[in-house]
Amino acid sequence: MEGVPEPHNGWTFLTNHARVLAAIADDNSARIRDIAARCRLTERAVQKIIADLERDGYLSHTREGRGNTYRIEPDRVLRHPAEAGLSVAALLSLLAQDEVARTRRPPTGTSPPQP
């Protein structure tokens, strides 16, 4: 079935909430369909996550035509006591640095270009 993400078994380091927030940080006017594809989630799951993030003040949106533009609250502190004091901006900064590093890294099994 097209549009349904492939299943994943086992644990992961990031929650789906963090993945959705990072996708929105990358493109604040992304459609739910595009966020779902990027995060390998269903559209319904993304809708629920966005509702959670909005309800708790991490995210807001404004309607623009047929789409939404999202606004992340960068100074909000993460919810878990182990991350006390860590802001959304700090988390997204770490994820953005990782994304930049991955795009610069040559694919596995290839050697870097020679000068």
N, C-alpha and C. Protein backbone atom coordinates (compact mmCIF):
# COMPACT_ATOMS: atom_id res chain seq x y z
N MET A 1 0.84 -1.18 0.00
CA MET A 1 0.00 0.00 0.00
C MET A 1 0.88 1.24 0.00
N GLU A 2 0.68 2.13 -0.95
CA GLU A 2 1.52 3.31 -1.09
C GLU A 2 1.22 4.31 0.02
N GLY A 3 2.25 4.99 0.53
CA GLY A 3 2.07 6.00 1.55
C GLY A 3 2.14 5.47 2.97
N VAL A 4 2.12 4.16 3.12
CA VAL A 4 2.20 3.57 4.46
C VAL A 4 3.66 3.27 4.74
N PRO A 5 4.17 3.78 5.86
CA PRO A 5 5.59 3.55 6.14
C PRO A 5 5.88 2.08 6.41
N GLU A 6 7.10 1.69 6.08
CA GLU A 6 7.49 0.32 6.37
C GLU A 6 7.60 0.15 7.87
N PRO A 7 7.28 -1.03 8.38
CA PRO A 7 7.30 -1.22 9.84
C PRO A 7 8.72 -1.18 10.39
N HIS A 8 8.79 -0.82 11.65
CA HIS A 8 10.08 -0.80 12.34
C HIS A 8 9.91 -1.57 13.64
N ASN A 9 10.79 -2.48 13.88
CA ASN A 9 10.77 -3.24 15.14
C ASN A 9 11.98 -2.85 15.96
N GLY A 10 11.81 -2.83 17.25
CA GLY A 10 12.92 -2.49 18.13
C GLY A 10 12.84 -1.05 18.60
N TRP A 11 13.83 -0.66 19.33
CA TRP A 11 13.84 0.68 19.92
C TRP A 11 14.63 1.64 19.07
N THR A 12 14.43 2.93 19.31
CA THR A 12 15.18 3.97 18.61
C THR A 12 15.62 5.01 19.63
N PHE A 13 16.57 5.85 19.24
CA PHE A 13 17.08 6.87 20.15
C PHE A 13 16.15 8.08 20.25
N LEU A 14 15.45 8.39 19.20
CA LEU A 14 14.59 9.57 19.20
C LEU A 14 13.13 9.16 19.22
N THR A 15 12.32 9.96 19.89
CA THR A 15 10.88 9.72 19.88
C THR A 15 10.29 10.24 18.58
N ASN A 16 9.11 9.80 18.28
CA ASN A 16 8.41 10.30 17.09
C ASN A 16 8.12 11.79 17.25
N HIS A 17 7.89 12.25 18.48
CA HIS A 17 7.65 13.68 18.72
C HIS A 17 8.90 14.49 18.32
N ALA A 18 10.07 14.00 18.67
CA ALA A 18 11.31 14.70 18.31
C ALA A 18 11.50 14.70 16.80
N ARG A 19 11.19 13.58 16.15
CA ARG A 19 11.33 13.51 14.69
C ARG A 19 10.41 14.51 13.99
N VAL A 20 9.16 14.58 14.44
CA VAL A 20 8.20 15.50 13.83
C VAL A 20 8.64 16.94 14.07
N LEU A 21 9.07 17.25 15.28
CA LEU A 21 9.53 18.60 15.59
C LEU A 21 10.73 18.98 14.72
N ALA A 22 11.66 18.05 14.52
CA ALA A 22 12.83 18.32 13.68
C ALA A 22 12.41 18.52 12.22
N ALA A 23 11.44 17.75 11.75
CA ALA A 23 10.96 17.92 10.37
C ALA A 23 10.32 19.29 10.19
N ILE A 24 9.56 19.73 11.19
CA ILE A 24 8.94 21.06 11.12
C ILE A 24 10.00 22.15 11.21
N ALA A 25 11.02 21.94 12.02
CA ALA A 25 12.10 22.92 12.11
C ALA A 25 12.81 23.07 10.77
N ASP A 26 12.90 21.99 10.03
CA ASP A 26 13.55 22.02 8.72
C ASP A 26 12.68 22.72 7.67
N ASP A 27 11.36 22.58 7.79
CA ASP A 27 10.43 23.21 6.84
C ASP A 27 9.14 23.53 7.57
N ASN A 28 9.01 24.79 8.00
CA ASN A 28 7.87 25.15 8.85
C ASN A 28 6.54 25.24 8.11
N SER A 29 6.55 25.02 6.81
CA SER A 29 5.28 24.99 6.08
C SER A 29 5.06 23.63 5.40
N ALA A 30 5.75 22.62 5.89
CA ALA A 30 5.61 21.27 5.32
C ALA A 30 4.19 20.75 5.55
N ARG A 31 3.72 20.00 4.57
CA ARG A 31 2.41 19.36 4.71
C ARG A 31 2.54 18.14 5.62
N ILE A 32 1.45 17.80 6.28
CA ILE A 32 1.44 16.63 7.16
C ILE A 32 1.86 15.40 6.37
N ARG A 33 1.44 15.29 5.13
CA ARG A 33 1.81 14.16 4.28
C ARG A 33 3.33 14.07 4.12
N ASP A 34 3.98 15.23 3.94
CA ASP A 34 5.43 15.23 3.76
C ASP A 34 6.16 14.93 5.07
N ILE A 35 5.65 15.45 6.17
CA ILE A 35 6.24 15.16 7.48
C ILE A 35 6.13 13.66 7.76
N ALA A 36 4.97 13.09 7.48
CA ALA A 36 4.75 11.66 7.71
C ALA A 36 5.73 10.82 6.90
N ALA A 37 5.91 11.18 5.64
CA ALA A 37 6.84 10.43 4.79
C ALA A 37 8.26 10.53 5.31
N ARG A 38 8.66 11.73 5.68
CA ARG A 38 10.03 11.93 6.17
C ARG A 38 10.28 11.16 7.46
N CYS A 39 9.29 11.16 8.35
CA CYS A 39 9.45 10.51 9.66
C CYS A 39 9.05 9.04 9.65
N ARG A 40 8.56 8.57 8.49
CA ARG A 40 8.10 7.19 8.37
C ARG A 40 6.99 6.88 9.37
N LEU A 41 6.02 7.78 9.41
CA LEU A 41 4.85 7.65 10.26
C LEU A 41 3.61 7.78 9.40
N THR A 42 2.47 7.42 9.95
CA THR A 42 1.22 7.66 9.24
C THR A 42 0.83 9.12 9.40
N GLU A 43 0.01 9.61 8.50
CA GLU A 43 -0.46 10.99 8.60
C GLU A 43 -1.25 11.19 9.89
N ARG A 44 -2.04 10.20 10.26
CA ARG A 44 -2.82 10.30 11.50
C ARG A 44 -1.90 10.42 12.72
N ALA A 45 -0.82 9.67 12.74
CA ALA A 45 0.13 9.76 13.86
C ALA A 45 0.75 11.15 13.93
N VAL A 46 1.10 11.72 12.77
CA VAL A 46 1.68 13.06 12.74
C VAL A 46 0.67 14.09 13.24
N GLN A 47 -0.60 13.95 12.83
CA GLN A 47 -1.64 14.86 13.31
C GLN A 47 -1.74 14.83 14.82
N LYS A 48 -1.69 13.64 15.39
CA LYS A 48 -1.78 13.49 16.85
C LYS A 48 -0.57 14.12 17.54
N ILE A 49 0.61 13.88 16.99
CA ILE A 49 1.84 14.44 17.57
C ILE A 49 1.80 15.96 17.51
N ILE A 50 1.39 16.52 16.39
CA ILE A 50 1.30 17.97 16.28
C ILE A 50 0.30 18.51 17.30
N ALA A 51 -0.83 17.83 17.48
CA ALA A 51 -1.81 18.25 18.48
C ALA A 51 -1.20 18.21 19.89
N ASP A 52 -0.43 17.16 20.19
CA ASP A 52 0.26 17.07 21.49
C ASP A 52 1.21 18.26 21.69
N LEU A 53 2.03 18.52 20.67
CA LEU A 53 3.02 19.59 20.76
C LEU A 53 2.34 20.96 20.91
N GLU A 54 1.23 21.16 20.21
CA GLU A 54 0.50 22.42 20.33
C GLU A 54 -0.16 22.55 21.70
N ARG A 55 -0.79 21.49 22.17
CA ARG A 55 -1.47 21.51 23.47
C ARG A 55 -0.50 21.88 24.60
N ASP A 56 0.73 21.40 24.51
CA ASP A 56 1.70 21.65 25.58
C ASP A 56 2.59 22.87 25.32
N GLY A 57 2.29 23.64 24.28
CA GLY A 57 2.96 24.92 24.06
C GLY A 57 4.30 24.87 23.35
N TYR A 58 4.63 23.74 22.73
CA TYR A 58 5.90 23.63 22.01
C TYR A 58 5.79 24.11 20.57
N LEU A 59 4.57 24.20 20.08
CA LEU A 59 4.33 24.47 18.68
C LEU A 59 3.01 25.21 18.53
N SER A 60 2.93 26.08 17.55
CA SER A 60 1.65 26.71 17.18
C SER A 60 1.61 26.78 15.67
N HIS A 61 0.43 27.06 15.13
CA HIS A 61 0.33 27.16 13.67
C HIS A 61 -0.63 28.27 13.28
N THR A 62 -0.41 28.78 12.09
CA THR A 62 -1.34 29.72 11.47
C THR A 62 -1.72 29.14 10.13
N ARG A 63 -2.97 29.34 9.80
CA ARG A 63 -3.49 28.84 8.53
C ARG A 63 -3.12 29.83 7.43
N GLU A 64 -2.55 29.33 6.34
CA GLU A 64 -2.19 30.17 5.20
C GLU A 64 -2.70 29.48 3.94
N GLY A 65 -3.82 29.98 3.43
CA GLY A 65 -4.43 29.33 2.28
C GLY A 65 -4.92 27.95 2.67
N ARG A 66 -4.45 26.95 1.94
CA ARG A 66 -4.84 25.57 2.23
C ARG A 66 -3.85 24.87 3.14
N GLY A 67 -2.78 25.56 3.53
CA GLY A 67 -1.75 24.93 4.34
C GLY A 67 -1.56 25.62 5.69
N ASN A 68 -0.65 25.10 6.45
CA ASN A 68 -0.30 25.66 7.75
C ASN A 68 1.16 26.10 7.75
N THR A 69 1.43 27.12 8.54
CA THR A 69 2.80 27.50 8.84
C THR A 69 2.96 27.32 10.34
N TYR A 70 3.97 26.55 10.71
CA TYR A 70 4.19 26.21 12.12
C TYR A 70 5.24 27.12 12.73
N ARG A 71 5.07 27.36 14.02
CA ARG A 71 6.05 28.14 14.79
C ARG A 71 6.44 27.33 16.01
N ILE A 72 7.72 27.04 16.11
CA ILE A 72 8.25 26.29 17.25
C ILE A 72 8.62 27.29 18.34
N GLU A 73 8.34 26.95 19.57
CA GLU A 73 8.73 27.77 20.73
C GLU A 73 10.11 27.30 21.19
N PRO A 74 11.19 27.95 20.74
CA PRO A 74 12.54 27.44 20.98
C PRO A 74 12.98 27.47 22.44
N ASP A 75 12.37 28.31 23.25
CA ASP A 75 12.80 28.42 24.65
C ASP A 75 12.09 27.46 25.59
N ARG A 76 11.11 26.73 25.07
CA ARG A 76 10.43 25.74 25.92
C ARG A 76 11.43 24.68 26.36
N VAL A 77 11.30 24.25 27.60
CA VAL A 77 12.20 23.25 28.16
C VAL A 77 11.61 21.86 27.93
N LEU A 78 12.48 20.89 27.65
CA LEU A 78 12.02 19.53 27.42
C LEU A 78 11.36 18.97 28.66
N ARG A 79 10.47 18.03 28.48
CA ARG A 79 9.58 17.57 29.55
C ARG A 79 10.20 16.61 30.55
N HIS A 80 11.11 15.78 30.13
CA HIS A 80 11.63 14.73 31.02
C HIS A 80 12.61 15.31 32.04
N PRO A 81 12.54 14.88 33.29
CA PRO A 81 13.46 15.40 34.32
C PRO A 81 14.94 15.20 33.99
N ALA A 82 15.27 14.17 33.25
CA ALA A 82 16.67 13.94 32.88
C ALA A 82 17.21 15.01 31.95
N GLU A 83 16.31 15.71 31.24
CA GLU A 83 16.73 16.79 30.34
C GLU A 83 16.40 18.15 30.94
N ALA A 84 16.31 18.22 32.25
CA ALA A 84 15.96 19.48 32.92
C ALA A 84 16.89 20.60 32.45
N GLY A 85 16.29 21.69 31.99
CA GLY A 85 17.07 22.83 31.55
C GLY A 85 17.42 22.81 30.08
N LEU A 86 17.26 21.68 29.39
CA LEU A 86 17.57 21.60 27.97
C LEU A 86 16.38 22.14 27.18
N SER A 87 16.65 23.11 26.33
CA SER A 87 15.57 23.75 25.57
C SER A 87 15.33 23.02 24.23
N VAL A 88 14.18 23.31 23.66
CA VAL A 88 13.86 22.79 22.33
C VAL A 88 14.92 23.25 21.33
N ALA A 89 15.35 24.49 21.44
CA ALA A 89 16.37 25.01 20.52
C ALA A 89 17.66 24.20 20.63
N ALA A 90 18.06 23.84 21.83
CA ALA A 90 19.28 23.05 22.00
C ALA A 90 19.14 21.67 21.36
N LEU A 91 17.99 21.04 21.55
CA LEU A 91 17.74 19.74 20.93
C LEU A 91 17.78 19.85 19.41
N LEU A 92 17.08 20.83 18.87
CA LEU A 92 17.04 20.98 17.42
C LEU A 92 18.42 21.33 16.87
N SER A 93 19.21 22.07 17.63
CA SER A 93 20.57 22.40 17.21
C SER A 93 21.41 21.13 17.07
N LEU A 94 21.28 20.23 18.03
CA LEU A 94 22.01 18.96 17.96
C LEU A 94 21.56 18.14 16.76
N LEU A 95 20.27 18.09 16.53
CA LEU A 95 19.76 17.31 15.40
C LEU A 95 20.17 17.93 14.07
N ALA A 96 20.18 19.25 13.99
CA ALA A 96 20.59 19.93 12.75
C ALA A 96 22.06 19.70 12.47
N GLN A 97 22.89 19.72 13.49
CA GLN A 97 24.32 19.46 13.30
C GLN A 97 24.53 18.05 12.78
N ASP A 98 23.77 17.09 13.30
CA ASP A 98 23.88 15.71 12.85
C ASP A 98 23.46 15.60 11.39
N GLU A 99 22.40 16.29 11.01
CA GLU A 99 21.91 16.25 9.63
C GLU A 99 22.95 16.82 8.68
N VAL A 100 23.58 17.91 9.05
CA VAL A 100 24.63 18.51 8.21
C VAL A 100 25.79 17.53 8.06
N ALA A 101 26.19 16.90 9.14
CA ALA A 101 27.31 15.95 9.09
C ALA A 101 26.97 14.77 8.18
N ARG A 102 25.74 14.28 8.25
CA ARG A 102 25.35 13.14 7.42
C ARG A 102 25.34 13.50 5.94
N THR A 103 24.97 14.71 5.60
CA THR A 103 24.92 15.08 4.19
C THR A 103 26.31 15.32 3.62
N ARG A 104 27.27 15.62 4.47
CA ARG A 104 28.65 15.85 4.01
C ARG A 104 29.45 14.57 3.92
N ARG A 105 29.04 13.56 4.67
CA ARG A 105 29.77 12.30 4.75
C ARG A 105 29.59 11.52 3.45
N PRO A 106 30.69 10.96 2.88
CA PRO A 106 30.54 10.14 1.67
C PRO A 106 29.79 8.86 2.02
N PRO A 107 29.05 8.28 1.06
CA PRO A 107 28.34 7.03 1.31
C PRO A 107 29.30 5.93 1.75
N THR A 108 28.79 5.01 2.55
CA THR A 108 29.60 3.89 3.03
C THR A 108 30.18 3.11 1.86
N GLY A 109 31.44 2.76 1.97
CA GLY A 109 32.09 1.97 0.94
C GLY A 109 32.73 2.80 -0.17
N THR A 110 32.68 4.13 -0.04
CA THR A 110 33.31 4.98 -1.05
C THR A 110 34.42 5.77 -0.39
N SER A 111 35.35 6.18 -1.16
CA SER A 111 36.43 7.00 -0.61
C SER A 111 36.13 8.46 -0.93
N PRO A 112 36.60 9.38 -0.08
CA PRO A 112 36.38 10.77 -0.34
C PRO A 112 37.11 11.23 -1.61
N PRO A 113 36.58 12.26 -2.27
CA PRO A 113 37.24 12.74 -3.48
C PRO A 113 38.66 13.22 -3.20
N GLN A 114 39.53 12.97 -4.13
CA GLN A 114 40.93 13.38 -3.99
C GLN A 114 41.09 14.81 -4.50
N PRO A 115 41.93 15.62 -3.82
CA PRO A 115 42.13 17.02 -4.24
C PRO A 115 42.88 17.12 -5.55
